[in-house]
Amino acid sequence: VQLQASGGGLVQPGGSLRLSCAASGSMVNINAMGWYRQAPGKKRELVAAITTGGSTNYADSVKGRFTISKDNAKNTVYLQMNSLKPEDTAVYYCNALYSESTYKFDYWGKGTQVTVSS
């Protein structure tokens, strides 16, 4: 599975951005896709995830501001980010979780920089 992320950039506080992640290759046993982020000096953290069934999960820090969605026909996942704050500044990584029985494997895309600054 290859993941191509796009949509990052520079935005002012309170602004919005939409990230896209297009997956290619076999999607068999890909049970969830999501977005992680890593700020300088910090660990990579989950931002939002969506399962093949459409269930979603969000970090507490982004609930009510970010929305994850997917287009199954395009194998693409989106992250709509509203009311952005400076603390949202990070490199955002797209993730796809392969899961078969007890075996799990994470696919990662190249990161896209999101900078929230005035």
N, C-alpha and C. Protein backbone atom coordinates (compact mmCIF):
# COMPACT_ATOMS: atom_id res chain seq x y z
N VAL A 1 0.85 -1.18 0.00
CA VAL A 1 0.00 0.00 0.00
C VAL A 1 0.88 1.24 0.00
N GLN A 2 0.59 2.14 -0.92
CA GLN A 2 1.30 3.42 -0.95
C GLN A 2 0.30 4.51 -0.58
N LEU A 3 0.78 5.44 0.22
CA LEU A 3 -0.08 6.52 0.70
C LEU A 3 0.51 7.85 0.25
N GLN A 4 -0.31 8.67 -0.38
CA GLN A 4 0.12 9.97 -0.86
C GLN A 4 -0.71 11.04 -0.17
N ALA A 5 -0.06 11.81 0.67
CA ALA A 5 -0.75 12.86 1.41
C ALA A 5 -0.54 14.21 0.74
N SER A 6 -1.52 15.06 0.88
CA SER A 6 -1.42 16.41 0.33
C SER A 6 -2.34 17.34 1.12
N GLY A 7 -2.13 18.65 0.92
CA GLY A 7 -3.02 19.62 1.52
C GLY A 7 -2.47 20.44 2.66
N GLY A 8 -1.25 20.16 3.07
CA GLY A 8 -0.67 20.94 4.14
C GLY A 8 -0.33 22.35 3.69
N GLY A 9 0.08 23.17 4.65
CA GLY A 9 0.46 24.53 4.30
C GLY A 9 0.49 25.44 5.51
N LEU A 10 0.56 26.71 5.23
CA LEU A 10 0.58 27.74 6.27
C LEU A 10 -0.80 28.38 6.36
N VAL A 11 -1.31 28.48 7.57
CA VAL A 11 -2.63 29.07 7.77
C VAL A 11 -2.61 29.88 9.06
N GLN A 12 -3.42 30.91 9.10
CA GLN A 12 -3.51 31.72 10.31
C GLN A 12 -4.36 31.04 11.36
N PRO A 13 -4.14 31.37 12.62
CA PRO A 13 -5.00 30.82 13.68
C PRO A 13 -6.47 31.10 13.38
N GLY A 14 -7.29 30.09 13.61
CA GLY A 14 -8.71 30.19 13.30
C GLY A 14 -9.06 29.76 11.90
N GLY A 15 -8.06 29.54 11.08
CA GLY A 15 -8.29 29.14 9.70
C GLY A 15 -8.56 27.65 9.55
N SER A 16 -8.68 27.24 8.29
CA SER A 16 -9.00 25.85 7.96
C SER A 16 -8.06 25.30 6.90
N LEU A 17 -7.88 24.00 6.95
CA LEU A 17 -7.15 23.27 5.92
C LEU A 17 -7.82 21.91 5.76
N ARG A 18 -7.68 21.34 4.58
CA ARG A 18 -8.13 19.97 4.36
C ARG A 18 -6.98 19.14 3.83
N LEU A 19 -6.68 18.08 4.56
CA LEU A 19 -5.66 17.14 4.13
C LEU A 19 -6.32 15.97 3.39
N SER A 20 -5.62 15.48 2.39
CA SER A 20 -6.09 14.31 1.65
C SER A 20 -5.02 13.23 1.67
N CYS A 21 -5.45 11.99 1.69
CA CYS A 21 -4.53 10.86 1.63
C CYS A 21 -5.10 9.84 0.68
N ALA A 22 -4.43 9.68 -0.45
CA ALA A 22 -4.86 8.71 -1.45
C ALA A 22 -4.04 7.45 -1.31
N ALA A 23 -4.73 6.33 -1.19
CA ALA A 23 -4.07 5.04 -1.06
C ALA A 23 -4.11 4.29 -2.39
N SER A 24 -3.03 3.62 -2.69
CA SER A 24 -2.98 2.79 -3.89
C SER A 24 -2.40 1.43 -3.51
N GLY A 25 -2.68 0.45 -4.34
CA GLY A 25 -2.27 -0.90 -4.03
C GLY A 25 -3.43 -1.69 -3.44
N SER A 26 -3.15 -2.88 -2.99
CA SER A 26 -4.20 -3.73 -2.44
C SER A 26 -4.69 -3.19 -1.10
N MET A 27 -5.98 -3.04 -0.99
CA MET A 27 -6.58 -2.57 0.25
C MET A 27 -7.17 -3.72 1.06
N VAL A 28 -6.85 -4.94 0.65
CA VAL A 28 -7.35 -6.10 1.38
C VAL A 28 -6.76 -6.09 2.78
N ASN A 29 -7.61 -6.29 3.76
CA ASN A 29 -7.21 -6.30 5.17
C ASN A 29 -6.71 -4.96 5.69
N ILE A 30 -6.96 -3.89 4.95
CA ILE A 30 -6.73 -2.56 5.50
C ILE A 30 -8.00 -2.20 6.27
N ASN A 31 -7.92 -2.22 7.58
CA ASN A 31 -9.11 -2.09 8.40
C ASN A 31 -9.37 -0.68 8.91
N ALA A 32 -8.37 0.17 8.79
CA ALA A 32 -8.56 1.54 9.25
C ALA A 32 -7.52 2.43 8.59
N MET A 33 -7.88 3.69 8.44
CA MET A 33 -6.93 4.69 7.98
C MET A 33 -7.06 5.89 8.89
N GLY A 34 -5.99 6.64 8.95
CA GLY A 34 -6.05 7.78 9.84
C GLY A 34 -4.91 8.75 9.65
N TRP A 35 -4.88 9.71 10.54
CA TRP A 35 -3.86 10.75 10.53
C TRP A 35 -3.19 10.82 11.89
N TYR A 36 -1.87 10.91 11.84
CA TYR A 36 -1.07 11.15 13.02
C TYR A 36 -0.32 12.46 12.79
N ARG A 37 0.20 13.00 13.86
CA ARG A 37 1.04 14.19 13.71
C ARG A 37 2.19 14.15 14.69
N GLN A 38 3.23 14.86 14.31
CA GLN A 38 4.41 14.93 15.16
C GLN A 38 4.95 16.34 15.13
N ALA A 39 4.95 16.96 16.28
CA ALA A 39 5.51 18.30 16.43
C ALA A 39 6.97 18.17 16.86
N PRO A 40 7.78 19.20 16.62
CA PRO A 40 9.19 19.13 17.00
C PRO A 40 9.36 18.80 18.47
N GLY A 41 10.20 17.81 18.74
CA GLY A 41 10.48 17.43 20.11
C GLY A 41 9.41 16.61 20.79
N LYS A 42 8.37 16.24 20.05
CA LYS A 42 7.28 15.48 20.64
C LYS A 42 7.12 14.14 19.92
N LYS A 43 6.42 13.23 20.57
CA LYS A 43 6.15 11.93 19.98
C LYS A 43 5.03 12.04 18.95
N ARG A 44 5.05 11.11 18.01
CA ARG A 44 3.96 11.06 17.05
C ARG A 44 2.68 10.65 17.78
N GLU A 45 1.58 11.34 17.48
CA GLU A 45 0.33 11.06 18.16
C GLU A 45 -0.81 10.90 17.16
N LEU A 46 -1.79 10.10 17.56
CA LEU A 46 -2.98 9.92 16.73
C LEU A 46 -3.80 11.19 16.75
N VAL A 47 -4.23 11.61 15.57
CA VAL A 47 -5.13 12.76 15.45
C VAL A 47 -6.55 12.26 15.25
N ALA A 48 -6.74 11.42 14.24
CA ALA A 48 -8.07 10.90 13.93
C ALA A 48 -7.92 9.64 13.10
N ALA A 49 -8.88 8.74 13.23
CA ALA A 49 -8.87 7.51 12.47
C ALA A 49 -10.29 7.14 12.10
N ILE A 50 -10.40 6.38 11.01
CA ILE A 50 -11.71 5.92 10.56
C ILE A 50 -11.57 4.48 10.09
N THR A 51 -12.50 3.64 10.52
CA THR A 51 -12.45 2.23 10.15
C THR A 51 -13.18 2.00 8.83
N THR A 52 -13.03 0.79 8.30
CA THR A 52 -13.73 0.48 7.06
C THR A 52 -15.24 0.54 7.26
N GLY A 53 -15.67 0.34 8.49
CA GLY A 53 -17.10 0.42 8.78
C GLY A 53 -17.59 1.84 9.02
N GLY A 54 -16.66 2.80 9.05
CA GLY A 54 -17.05 4.19 9.22
C GLY A 54 -16.97 4.71 10.63
N SER A 55 -16.54 3.89 11.58
CA SER A 55 -16.37 4.38 12.95
C SER A 55 -15.17 5.30 13.01
N THR A 56 -15.31 6.35 13.81
CA THR A 56 -14.23 7.33 13.91
C THR A 56 -13.72 7.47 15.33
N ASN A 57 -12.51 7.94 15.43
CA ASN A 57 -11.86 8.15 16.71
C ASN A 57 -11.01 9.41 16.60
N TYR A 58 -11.09 10.28 17.61
CA TYR A 58 -10.37 11.54 17.57
C TYR A 58 -9.57 11.74 18.85
N ALA A 59 -8.46 12.43 18.71
CA ALA A 59 -7.74 12.90 19.89
C ALA A 59 -8.61 13.95 20.58
N ASP A 60 -8.55 13.99 21.89
CA ASP A 60 -9.37 14.95 22.64
C ASP A 60 -9.08 16.39 22.19
N SER A 61 -7.83 16.65 21.83
CA SER A 61 -7.42 18.01 21.50
C SER A 61 -8.03 18.52 20.20
N VAL A 62 -8.57 17.62 19.37
CA VAL A 62 -9.11 18.06 18.09
C VAL A 62 -10.62 17.82 17.97
N LYS A 63 -11.21 17.20 18.96
CA LYS A 63 -12.65 16.93 18.91
C LYS A 63 -13.43 18.23 18.74
N GLY A 64 -14.38 18.19 17.83
CA GLY A 64 -15.19 19.36 17.57
C GLY A 64 -14.59 20.33 16.57
N ARG A 65 -13.32 20.12 16.22
CA ARG A 65 -12.65 21.00 15.26
C ARG A 65 -12.25 20.26 13.98
N PHE A 66 -11.85 19.01 14.12
CA PHE A 66 -11.40 18.22 12.99
C PHE A 66 -12.44 17.16 12.65
N THR A 67 -12.54 16.85 11.37
CA THR A 67 -13.44 15.80 10.92
C THR A 67 -12.72 14.92 9.92
N ILE A 68 -12.74 13.62 10.18
CA ILE A 68 -12.15 12.66 9.25
C ILE A 68 -13.27 12.02 8.45
N SER A 69 -13.00 11.81 7.16
CA SER A 69 -13.99 11.17 6.30
C SER A 69 -13.25 10.38 5.23
N LYS A 70 -14.01 9.56 4.49
CA LYS A 70 -13.36 8.76 3.46
C LYS A 70 -14.25 8.60 2.25
N ASP A 71 -13.59 8.42 1.12
CA ASP A 71 -14.28 8.14 -0.13
C ASP A 71 -13.79 6.76 -0.57
N ASN A 72 -14.61 5.76 -0.34
CA ASN A 72 -14.18 4.39 -0.62
C ASN A 72 -13.87 4.17 -2.10
N ALA A 73 -14.62 4.82 -2.96
CA ALA A 73 -14.41 4.63 -4.40
C ALA A 73 -13.04 5.13 -4.84
N LYS A 74 -12.54 6.14 -4.11
CA LYS A 74 -11.24 6.72 -4.46
C LYS A 74 -10.13 6.25 -3.53
N ASN A 75 -10.46 5.40 -2.55
CA ASN A 75 -9.48 4.97 -1.55
C ASN A 75 -8.76 6.18 -0.96
N THR A 76 -9.53 7.19 -0.63
CA THR A 76 -8.97 8.43 -0.13
C THR A 76 -9.62 8.80 1.19
N VAL A 77 -8.77 9.26 2.10
CA VAL A 77 -9.22 9.72 3.41
C VAL A 77 -8.92 11.21 3.51
N TYR A 78 -9.84 11.92 4.11
CA TYR A 78 -9.70 13.37 4.26
C TYR A 78 -9.68 13.75 5.73
N LEU A 79 -9.00 14.84 6.03
CA LEU A 79 -9.04 15.41 7.36
C LEU A 79 -9.35 16.89 7.21
N GLN A 80 -10.57 17.26 7.55
CA GLN A 80 -10.97 18.66 7.54
C GLN A 80 -10.61 19.26 8.88
N MET A 81 -9.77 20.28 8.85
CA MET A 81 -9.29 20.90 10.07
C MET A 81 -9.80 22.33 10.12
N ASN A 82 -10.62 22.62 11.11
CA ASN A 82 -11.18 23.96 11.29
C ASN A 82 -10.70 24.54 12.62
N SER A 83 -10.86 25.83 12.76
CA SER A 83 -10.47 26.52 14.00
C SER A 83 -9.06 26.14 14.41
N LEU A 84 -8.16 26.19 13.48
CA LEU A 84 -6.79 25.75 13.75
C LEU A 84 -6.11 26.64 14.77
N LYS A 85 -5.27 26.01 15.57
CA LYS A 85 -4.53 26.69 16.64
C LYS A 85 -3.04 26.51 16.39
N PRO A 86 -2.24 27.40 16.93
CA PRO A 86 -0.78 27.24 16.77
C PRO A 86 -0.28 25.88 17.24
N GLU A 87 -0.92 25.33 18.26
CA GLU A 87 -0.49 24.02 18.76
C GLU A 87 -0.84 22.86 17.83
N ASP A 88 -1.56 23.15 16.76
CA ASP A 88 -1.80 22.12 15.75
C ASP A 88 -0.64 22.03 14.76
N THR A 89 0.30 22.93 14.87
CA THR A 89 1.46 22.91 14.00
C THR A 89 2.25 21.62 14.18
N ALA A 90 2.46 20.92 13.08
CA ALA A 90 3.14 19.63 13.13
C ALA A 90 3.28 19.10 11.71
N VAL A 91 4.04 18.03 11.60
CA VAL A 91 4.02 17.25 10.36
C VAL A 91 2.92 16.20 10.52
N TYR A 92 2.04 16.15 9.57
CA TYR A 92 0.91 15.22 9.60
C TYR A 92 1.20 14.03 8.68
N TYR A 93 0.98 12.84 9.23
CA TYR A 93 1.26 11.62 8.50
C TYR A 93 -0.02 10.81 8.30
N CYS A 94 -0.19 10.34 7.09
CA CYS A 94 -1.30 9.44 6.80
C CYS A 94 -0.90 8.01 7.19
N ASN A 95 -1.85 7.27 7.69
CA ASN A 95 -1.60 5.91 8.15
C ASN A 95 -2.68 4.96 7.64
N ALA A 96 -2.27 3.75 7.30
CA ALA A 96 -3.22 2.69 6.98
C ALA A 96 -2.84 1.47 7.80
N LEU A 97 -3.81 0.91 8.48
CA LEU A 97 -3.57 -0.22 9.36
C LEU A 97 -3.97 -1.51 8.67
N TYR A 98 -2.99 -2.39 8.46
CA TYR A 98 -3.24 -3.73 7.94
C TYR A 98 -3.44 -4.63 9.15
N SER A 99 -4.51 -5.40 9.12
CA SER A 99 -4.80 -6.28 10.24
C SER A 99 -5.35 -7.60 9.73
N GLU A 100 -4.67 -8.68 10.08
CA GLU A 100 -5.13 -10.02 9.72
C GLU A 100 -4.86 -10.94 10.90
N SER A 101 -5.93 -11.41 11.48
CA SER A 101 -5.85 -12.21 12.71
C SER A 101 -5.11 -11.38 13.76
N THR A 102 -4.01 -11.88 14.28
CA THR A 102 -3.28 -11.14 15.31
C THR A 102 -2.15 -10.31 14.73
N TYR A 103 -1.96 -10.39 13.42
CA TYR A 103 -0.86 -9.66 12.79
C TYR A 103 -1.33 -8.27 12.38
N LYS A 104 -0.57 -7.28 12.74
CA LYS A 104 -0.88 -5.91 12.38
C LYS A 104 0.36 -5.24 11.81
N PHE A 105 0.13 -4.37 10.85
CA PHE A 105 1.23 -3.64 10.24
C PHE A 105 0.74 -2.25 9.86
N ASP A 106 1.57 -1.26 10.14
CA ASP A 106 1.23 0.13 9.80
C ASP A 106 1.95 0.56 8.53
N TYR A 107 1.17 1.05 7.58
CA TYR A 107 1.73 1.73 6.43
C TYR A 107 1.71 3.24 6.71
N TRP A 108 2.76 3.91 6.24
CA TRP A 108 2.86 5.35 6.47
C TRP A 108 3.13 6.07 5.15
N GLY A 109 2.51 7.22 5.02
CA GLY A 109 2.85 8.09 3.92
C GLY A 109 3.89 9.10 4.36
N LYS A 110 4.43 9.81 3.39
CA LYS A 110 5.33 10.91 3.73
C LYS A 110 4.50 12.01 4.39
N GLY A 111 5.10 12.69 5.30
CA GLY A 111 4.37 13.70 6.03
C GLY A 111 4.11 14.96 5.22
N THR A 112 3.12 15.68 5.67
CA THR A 112 2.83 16.99 5.09
C THR A 112 2.81 18.01 6.22
N GLN A 113 3.51 19.11 6.01
CA GLN A 113 3.66 20.11 7.06
C GLN A 113 2.42 20.98 7.17
N VAL A 114 1.95 21.14 8.39
CA VAL A 114 0.88 22.10 8.70
C VAL A 114 1.44 23.10 9.70
N THR A 115 1.41 24.36 9.32
CA THR A 115 1.91 25.43 10.18
C THR A 115 0.80 26.43 10.42
N VAL A 116 0.49 26.64 11.70
CA VAL A 116 -0.54 27.59 12.08
C VAL A 116 0.14 28.76 12.77
N SER A 117 0.15 29.88 12.10
CA SER A 117 0.88 31.03 12.61
C SER A 117 0.34 32.31 11.99
N SER A 118 0.40 33.37 12.78
CA SER A 118 0.00 34.68 12.25
C SER A 118 1.21 35.43 11.71
